[in-house]
Amino acid sequence: MESSYYERFVGTTPEQIFKYFSINDNLKNSLAESYLWLSHPTDFNDPFDCYENLISYNVTGRAIEGVVKNRVPGNRHERRKQVRHYKKRSKSFKKALESTLPDIIRQQGICCFSRTHESILMWSHYADKHRGLCIGFNPRKSMTTFPLLDVKYETNFKSHDYFSDKSDALLNMLITKSED
């Protein structure tokens, strides 16, 4: 049996992971109050992070029925009417779904770590040109709430269909970065 997309990209949990920081108010507050700052994907410096085109929408009659069933209030008769309406207008249905993705992305928070504390590139980009700091964490002791996912570096992006597997499509968008 093939493992889920999620299982394939949960990395082996290392003994230590590292977080690079610029010295700023977010860092000071998180240290004083013992939390990690979660960044919004829209604030990332790489335009291909959380790239919306990594999710495709293969709109079928079944997909429309599923969305209407889960999102449209009303009785069965009213929902059937909505299904017929959207099936006739599948392009506008697809556009409406695509327009909700930026809101979903804005509601997410991501904290990025590295497996090394010796990356010149990471010190340059994320630790204020080597003026910041890097803190090591033992994820086996201190980070049990959230899964650690390895980044998937790609030269050719492949979209995943939202209706085939919503979780896999969203995960693909969150963890895929450009190799260059």
C-alpha atoms as a PDB file:
ATOM      1  CA  MET A   1       0.000   0.000   0.000  1.00  0.00           C
ATOM      2  CA  GLU A   2       1.382   3.373  -0.992  1.00  0.00           C
ATOM      3  CA  SER A   3       2.032   5.775   1.867  1.00  0.00           C
ATOM      4  CA  SER A   4       0.259   9.099   1.945  1.00  0.00           C
ATOM      5  CA  TYR A   5       1.921  12.183   0.568  1.00  0.00           C
ATOM      6  CA  TYR A   6       2.243  13.458   4.143  1.00  0.00           C
ATOM      7  CA  GLU A   7       4.028  10.308   5.332  1.00  0.00           C
ATOM      8  CA  ARG A   8       6.489  10.523   2.457  1.00  0.00           C
ATOM      9  CA  PHE A   9       7.607  14.024   3.476  1.00  0.00           C
ATOM     10  CA  VAL A  10       7.705  13.789   7.229  1.00  0.00           C
ATOM     11  CA  GLY A  11      11.419  13.726   7.728  1.00  0.00           C
ATOM     12  CA  THR A  12      13.257  11.570  10.167  1.00  0.00           C
ATOM     13  CA  THR A  13      13.340  13.564  13.359  1.00  0.00           C
ATOM     14  CA  PRO A  14      16.912  14.713  13.916  1.00  0.00           C
ATOM     15  CA  GLU A  15      18.568  15.018  17.320  1.00  0.00           C
ATOM     16  CA  GLN A  16      18.772  18.764  16.872  1.00  0.00           C
ATOM     17  CA  ILE A  17      17.209  21.380  14.606  1.00  0.00           C
ATOM     18  CA  PHE A  18      18.193  25.001  14.311  1.00  0.00           C
ATOM     19  CA  LYS A  19      16.354  28.272  13.927  1.00  0.00           C
ATOM     20  CA  TYR A  20      18.135  31.330  12.559  1.00  0.00           C
ATOM     21  CA  PHE A  21      16.996  34.673  13.923  1.00  0.00           C
ATOM     22  CA  SER A  22      17.445  38.349  13.275  1.00  0.00           C
ATOM     23  CA  ILE A  23      17.517  40.278  16.512  1.00  0.00           C
ATOM     24  CA  ASN A  24      14.192  42.115  16.566  1.00  0.00           C
ATOM     25  CA  ASP A  25      11.019  42.501  18.626  1.00  0.00           C
ATOM     26  CA  ASN A  26       9.601  39.152  17.442  1.00  0.00           C
ATOM     27  CA  LEU A  27      12.683  37.358  18.763  1.00  0.00           C
ATOM     28  CA  LYS A  28      12.753  39.306  22.038  1.00  0.00           C
ATOM     29  CA  ASN A  29       9.066  38.639  22.703  1.00  0.00           C
ATOM     30  CA  SER A  30       9.289  34.963  21.808  1.00  0.00           C
ATOM     31  CA  LEU A  31      12.281  34.446  24.103  1.00  0.00           C
ATOM     32  CA  ALA A  32      10.667  36.372  26.967  1.00  0.00           C
ATOM     33  CA  GLU A  33       7.374  34.494  26.636  1.00  0.00           C
ATOM     34  CA  SER A  34       8.722  31.075  25.505  1.00  0.00           C
ATOM     35  CA  TYR A  35       7.070  30.727  22.119  1.00  0.00           C
ATOM     36  CA  LEU A  36       8.183  30.538  18.516  1.00  0.00           C
ATOM     37  CA  TRP A  37       7.040  33.152  16.049  1.00  0.00           C
ATOM     38  CA  LEU A  38       5.029  31.703  13.161  1.00  0.00           C
ATOM     39  CA  SER A  39       5.410  33.599   9.921  1.00  0.00           C
ATOM     40  CA  HIS A  40       2.656  34.009   7.383  1.00  0.00           C
ATOM     41  CA  PRO A  41       3.555  32.440   4.038  1.00  0.00           C
ATOM     42  CA  THR A  42       2.653  35.720   2.330  1.00  0.00           C
ATOM     43  CA  ASP A  43       5.610  37.301   4.175  1.00  0.00           C
ATOM     44  CA  PHE A  44       8.192  34.839   2.836  1.00  0.00           C
ATOM     45  CA  ASN A  45      10.973  36.223   0.672  1.00  0.00           C
ATOM     46  CA  ASP A  46      10.640  33.537  -2.039  1.00  0.00           C
ATOM     47  CA  PRO A  47       7.645  34.095  -4.353  1.00  0.00           C
ATOM     48  CA  PHE A  48       7.520  30.332  -4.997  1.00  0.00           C
ATOM     49  CA  ASP A  49       6.967  29.497  -1.318  1.00  0.00           C
ATOM     50  CA  CYS A  50       3.323  28.447  -0.963  1.00  0.00           C
ATOM     51  CA  TYR A  51       2.974  28.847  -4.715  1.00  0.00           C
ATOM     52  CA  GLU A  52      -0.741  28.766  -5.495  1.00  0.00           C
ATOM     53  CA  ASN A  53      -0.238  27.041  -8.860  1.00  0.00           C
ATOM     54  CA  LEU A  54       0.872  23.907  -7.005  1.00  0.00           C
ATOM     55  CA  ILE A  55      -2.821  23.219  -6.424  1.00  0.00           C
ATOM     56  CA  SER A  56      -5.068  22.354  -9.338  1.00  0.00           C
ATOM     57  CA  TYR A  57      -8.847  22.068  -9.347  1.00  0.00           C
ATOM     58  CA  ASN A  58     -10.196  19.268 -11.524  1.00  0.00           C
ATOM     59  CA  VAL A  59     -13.841  20.278 -11.272  1.00  0.00           C
ATOM     60  CA  THR A  60     -16.090  17.272 -11.780  1.00  0.00           C
ATOM     61  CA  GLY A  61     -19.725  16.712 -10.911  1.00  0.00           C
ATOM     62  CA  ARG A  62     -18.652  14.688  -7.886  1.00  0.00           C
ATOM     63  CA  ALA A  63     -16.314  17.470  -6.731  1.00  0.00           C
ATOM     64  CA  ILE A  64     -19.137  20.013  -6.961  1.00  0.00           C
ATOM     65  CA  GLU A  65     -21.459  17.713  -5.006  1.00  0.00           C
ATOM     66  CA  GLY A  66     -18.853  17.299  -2.271  1.00  0.00           C
ATOM     67  CA  VAL A  67     -18.224  21.035  -1.898  1.00  0.00           C
ATOM     68  CA  VAL A  68     -21.928  21.896  -1.899  1.00  0.00           C
ATOM     69  CA  LYS A  69     -22.679  19.161   0.638  1.00  0.00           C
ATOM     70  CA  ASN A  70     -19.985  20.428   3.022  1.00  0.00           C
ATOM     71  CA  ARG A  71     -20.257  24.192   2.541  1.00  0.00           C
ATOM     72  CA  VAL A  72     -23.752  25.177   1.404  1.00  0.00           C
ATOM     73  CA  PRO A  73     -26.419  25.511   4.084  1.00  0.00           C
ATOM     74  CA  GLY A  74     -29.992  24.418   3.487  1.00  0.00           C
ATOM     75  CA  ASN A  75     -31.986  21.286   3.002  1.00  0.00           C
ATOM     76  CA  ARG A  76     -31.314  18.501   0.525  1.00  0.00           C
ATOM     77  CA  HIS A  77     -33.549  19.999  -2.145  1.00  0.00           C
ATOM     78  CA  GLU A  78     -31.787  23.386  -1.961  1.00  0.00           C
ATOM     79  CA  ARG A  79     -28.356  21.742  -2.153  1.00  0.00           C
ATOM     80  CA  ARG A  80     -29.367  19.692  -5.218  1.00  0.00           C
ATOM     81  CA  LYS A  81     -30.494  22.903  -6.850  1.00  0.00           C
ATOM     82  CA  GLN A  82     -27.097  24.471  -6.088  1.00  0.00           C
ATOM     83  CA  VAL A  83     -25.295  21.423  -7.516  1.00  0.00           C
ATOM     84  CA  ARG A  84     -27.224  21.726 -10.799  1.00  0.00           C
ATOM     85  CA  HIS A  85     -26.489  25.456 -10.873  1.00  0.00           C
ATOM     86  CA  TYR A  86     -22.734  24.978 -10.365  1.00  0.00           C
ATOM     87  CA  LYS A  87     -22.479  22.068 -12.784  1.00  0.00           C
ATOM     88  CA  LYS A  88     -23.730  24.407 -15.515  1.00  0.00           C
ATOM     89  CA  ARG A  89     -21.147  26.992 -14.459  1.00  0.00           C
ATOM     90  CA  SER A  90     -18.109  24.868 -13.596  1.00  0.00           C
ATOM     91  CA  LYS A  91     -15.637  27.547 -14.731  1.00  0.00           C
ATOM     92  CA  SER A  92     -17.067  30.142 -12.349  1.00  0.00           C
ATOM     93  CA  PHE A  93     -17.199  27.475  -9.626  1.00  0.00           C
ATOM     94  CA  LYS A  94     -13.487  26.799 -10.161  1.00  0.00           C
ATOM     95  CA  LYS A  95     -12.648  30.521 -10.059  1.00  0.00           C
ATOM     96  CA  ALA A  96     -14.604  30.919  -6.817  1.00  0.00           C
ATOM     97  CA  LEU A  97     -12.621  28.083  -5.222  1.00  0.00           C
ATOM     98  CA  GLU A  98      -9.298  29.446  -6.464  1.00  0.00           C
ATOM     99  CA  SER A  99     -10.141  32.836  -4.978  1.00  0.00           C
ATOM    100  CA  THR A 100     -10.465  31.297  -1.486  1.00  0.00           C
ATOM    101  CA  LEU A 101      -6.897  29.935  -1.508  1.00  0.00           C
ATOM    102  CA  PRO A 102      -5.154  33.225  -0.608  1.00  0.00           C
ATOM    103  CA  ASP A 103      -7.374  33.472   2.488  1.00  0.00           C
ATOM    104  CA  ILE A 104      -6.453  29.935   3.507  1.00  0.00           C
ATOM    105  CA  ILE A 105      -2.758  30.752   3.050  1.00  0.00           C
ATOM    106  CA  ARG A 106      -3.048  33.945   5.113  1.00  0.00           C
ATOM    107  CA  GLN A 107      -4.492  31.933   8.016  1.00  0.00           C
ATOM    108  CA  GLN A 108      -1.443  29.647   8.226  1.00  0.00           C
ATOM    109  CA  GLY A 109       1.645  30.100  10.355  1.00  0.00           C
ATOM    110  CA  ILE A 110       4.931  28.427   9.550  1.00  0.00           C
ATOM    111  CA  CYS A 111       8.149  28.160  11.504  1.00  0.00           C
ATOM    112  CA  CYS A 112      11.176  27.114   9.471  1.00  0.00           C
ATOM    113  CA  PHE A 113      14.154  25.220  10.828  1.00  0.00           C
ATOM    114  CA  SER A 114      17.410  23.885   9.478  1.00  0.00           C
ATOM    115  CA  ARG A 115      19.305  20.671  10.123  1.00  0.00           C
ATOM    116  CA  THR A 116      22.541  22.680  10.396  1.00  0.00           C
ATOM    117  CA  HIS A 117      23.778  25.738  12.246  1.00  0.00           C
ATOM    118  CA  GLU A 118      26.736  26.214   9.890  1.00  0.00           C
ATOM    119  CA  SER A 119      25.091  27.391   6.675  1.00  0.00           C
ATOM    120  CA  ILE A 120      26.594  30.629   5.423  1.00  0.00           C
ATOM    121  CA  LEU A 121      23.526  31.144   3.218  1.00  0.00           C
ATOM    122  CA  MET A 122      21.139  30.737   6.173  1.00  0.00           C
ATOM    123  CA  TRP A 123      23.215  33.090   8.339  1.00  0.00           C
ATOM    124  CA  SER A 124      23.136  35.637   5.497  1.00  0.00           C
ATOM    125  CA  HIS A 125      19.421  35.440   4.735  1.00  0.00           C
ATOM    126  CA  TYR A 126      17.785  34.689   8.081  1.00  0.00           C
ATOM    127  CA  ALA A 127      20.189  35.954  10.724  1.00  0.00           C
ATOM    128  CA  ASP A 128      20.534  39.531   9.534  1.00  0.00           C
ATOM    129  CA  LYS A 129      23.708  39.061   7.476  1.00  0.00           C
ATOM    130  CA  HIS A 130      25.510  37.158  10.267  1.00  0.00           C
ATOM    131  CA  ARG A 131      24.508  39.702  12.957  1.00  0.00           C
ATOM    132  CA  GLY A 132      21.689  37.553  14.368  1.00  0.00           C
ATOM    133  CA  LEU A 133      21.753  34.280  16.204  1.00  0.00           C
ATOM    134  CA  CYS A 134      20.964  30.610  15.742  1.00  0.00           C
ATOM    135  CA  ILE A 135      19.284  28.526  18.444  1.00  0.00           C
ATOM    136  CA  GLY A 136      19.297  24.741  18.566  1.00  0.00           C
ATOM    137  CA  PHE A 137      16.259  22.732  19.663  1.00  0.00           C
ATOM    138  CA  ASN A 138      15.808  19.086  20.488  1.00  0.00           C
ATOM    139  CA  PRO A 139      12.555  18.350  18.647  1.00  0.00           C
ATOM    140  CA  ARG A 140      12.091  15.047  20.453  1.00  0.00           C
ATOM    141  CA  LYS A 141      11.787  16.878  23.763  1.00  0.00           C
ATOM    142  CA  SER A 142      10.380  20.283  22.970  1.00  0.00           C
ATOM    143  CA  MET A 143       8.369  20.162  19.764  1.00  0.00           C
ATOM    144  CA  THR A 144       5.691  17.510  19.879  1.00  0.00           C
ATOM    145  CA  THR A 145       2.718  19.615  18.805  1.00  0.00           C
ATOM    146  CA  PHE A 146       3.541  20.155  15.144  1.00  0.00           C
ATOM    147  CA  PRO A 147       4.970  17.780  12.574  1.00  0.00           C
ATOM    148  CA  LEU A 148       8.385  18.512  11.166  1.00  0.00           C
ATOM    149  CA  LEU A 149       8.228  18.318   7.398  1.00  0.00           C
ATOM    150  CA  ASP A 150      11.182  18.252   5.074  1.00  0.00           C
ATOM    151  CA  VAL A 151      11.156  20.774   2.261  1.00  0.00           C
ATOM    152  CA  LYS A 152      10.803  19.251  -1.202  1.00  0.00           C
ATOM    153  CA  TYR A 153      13.074  21.037  -3.682  1.00  0.00           C
ATOM    154  CA  GLU A 154      11.902  20.822  -7.294  1.00  0.00           C
ATOM    155  CA  THR A 155      13.068  22.130 -10.638  1.00  0.00           C
ATOM    156  CA  ASN A 156       9.714  21.308 -12.249  1.00  0.00           C
ATOM    157  CA  PHE A 157       6.651  22.034 -10.167  1.00  0.00           C
ATOM    158  CA  LYS A 158       3.836  19.495 -10.213  1.00  0.00           C
ATOM    159  CA  SER A 159       0.383  20.517  -9.075  1.00  0.00           C
ATOM    160  CA  HIS A 160      -1.829  18.239  -6.995  1.00  0.00           C
ATOM    161  CA  ASP A 161      -5.576  18.115  -7.492  1.00  0.00           C
ATOM    162  CA  TYR A 162      -7.505  19.618  -4.589  1.00  0.00           C
ATOM    163  CA  PHE A 163     -10.464  17.300  -5.163  1.00  0.00           C
ATOM    164  CA  SER A 164      -8.417  14.112  -5.313  1.00  0.00           C
ATOM    165  CA  ASP A 165      -6.882  14.770  -1.897  1.00  0.00           C
ATOM    166  CA  LYS A 166      -7.267  18.174  -0.271  1.00  0.00           C
ATOM    167  CA  SER A 167      -4.643  17.512   2.434  1.00  0.00           C
ATOM    168  CA  ASP A 168      -2.037  16.331  -0.059  1.00  0.00           C
ATOM    169  CA  ALA A 169      -2.668  19.301  -2.348  1.00  0.00           C
ATOM    170  CA  LEU A 170      -2.281  21.800   0.495  1.00  0.00           C
ATOM    171  CA  LEU A 171       0.790  20.013   1.838  1.00  0.00           C
ATOM    172  CA  ASN A 172       2.366  19.990  -1.628  1.00  0.00           C
ATOM    173  CA  MET A 173       1.870  23.746  -1.798  1.00  0.00           C
ATOM    174  CA  LEU A 174       3.350  24.287   1.686  1.00  0.00           C
ATOM    175  CA  ILE A 175       6.532  22.207   1.397  1.00  0.00           C
ATOM    176  CA  THR A 176       7.568  22.611  -2.257  1.00  0.00           C
ATOM    177  CA  LYS A 177      10.319  25.107  -3.048  1.00  0.00           C
ATOM    178  CA  SER A 178      12.286  25.911  -6.149  1.00  0.00           C
ATOM    179  CA  GLU A 179      15.611  24.098  -6.364  1.00  0.00           C
ATOM    180  CA  ASP A 180      17.315  27.164  -7.843  1.00  0.00           C
END
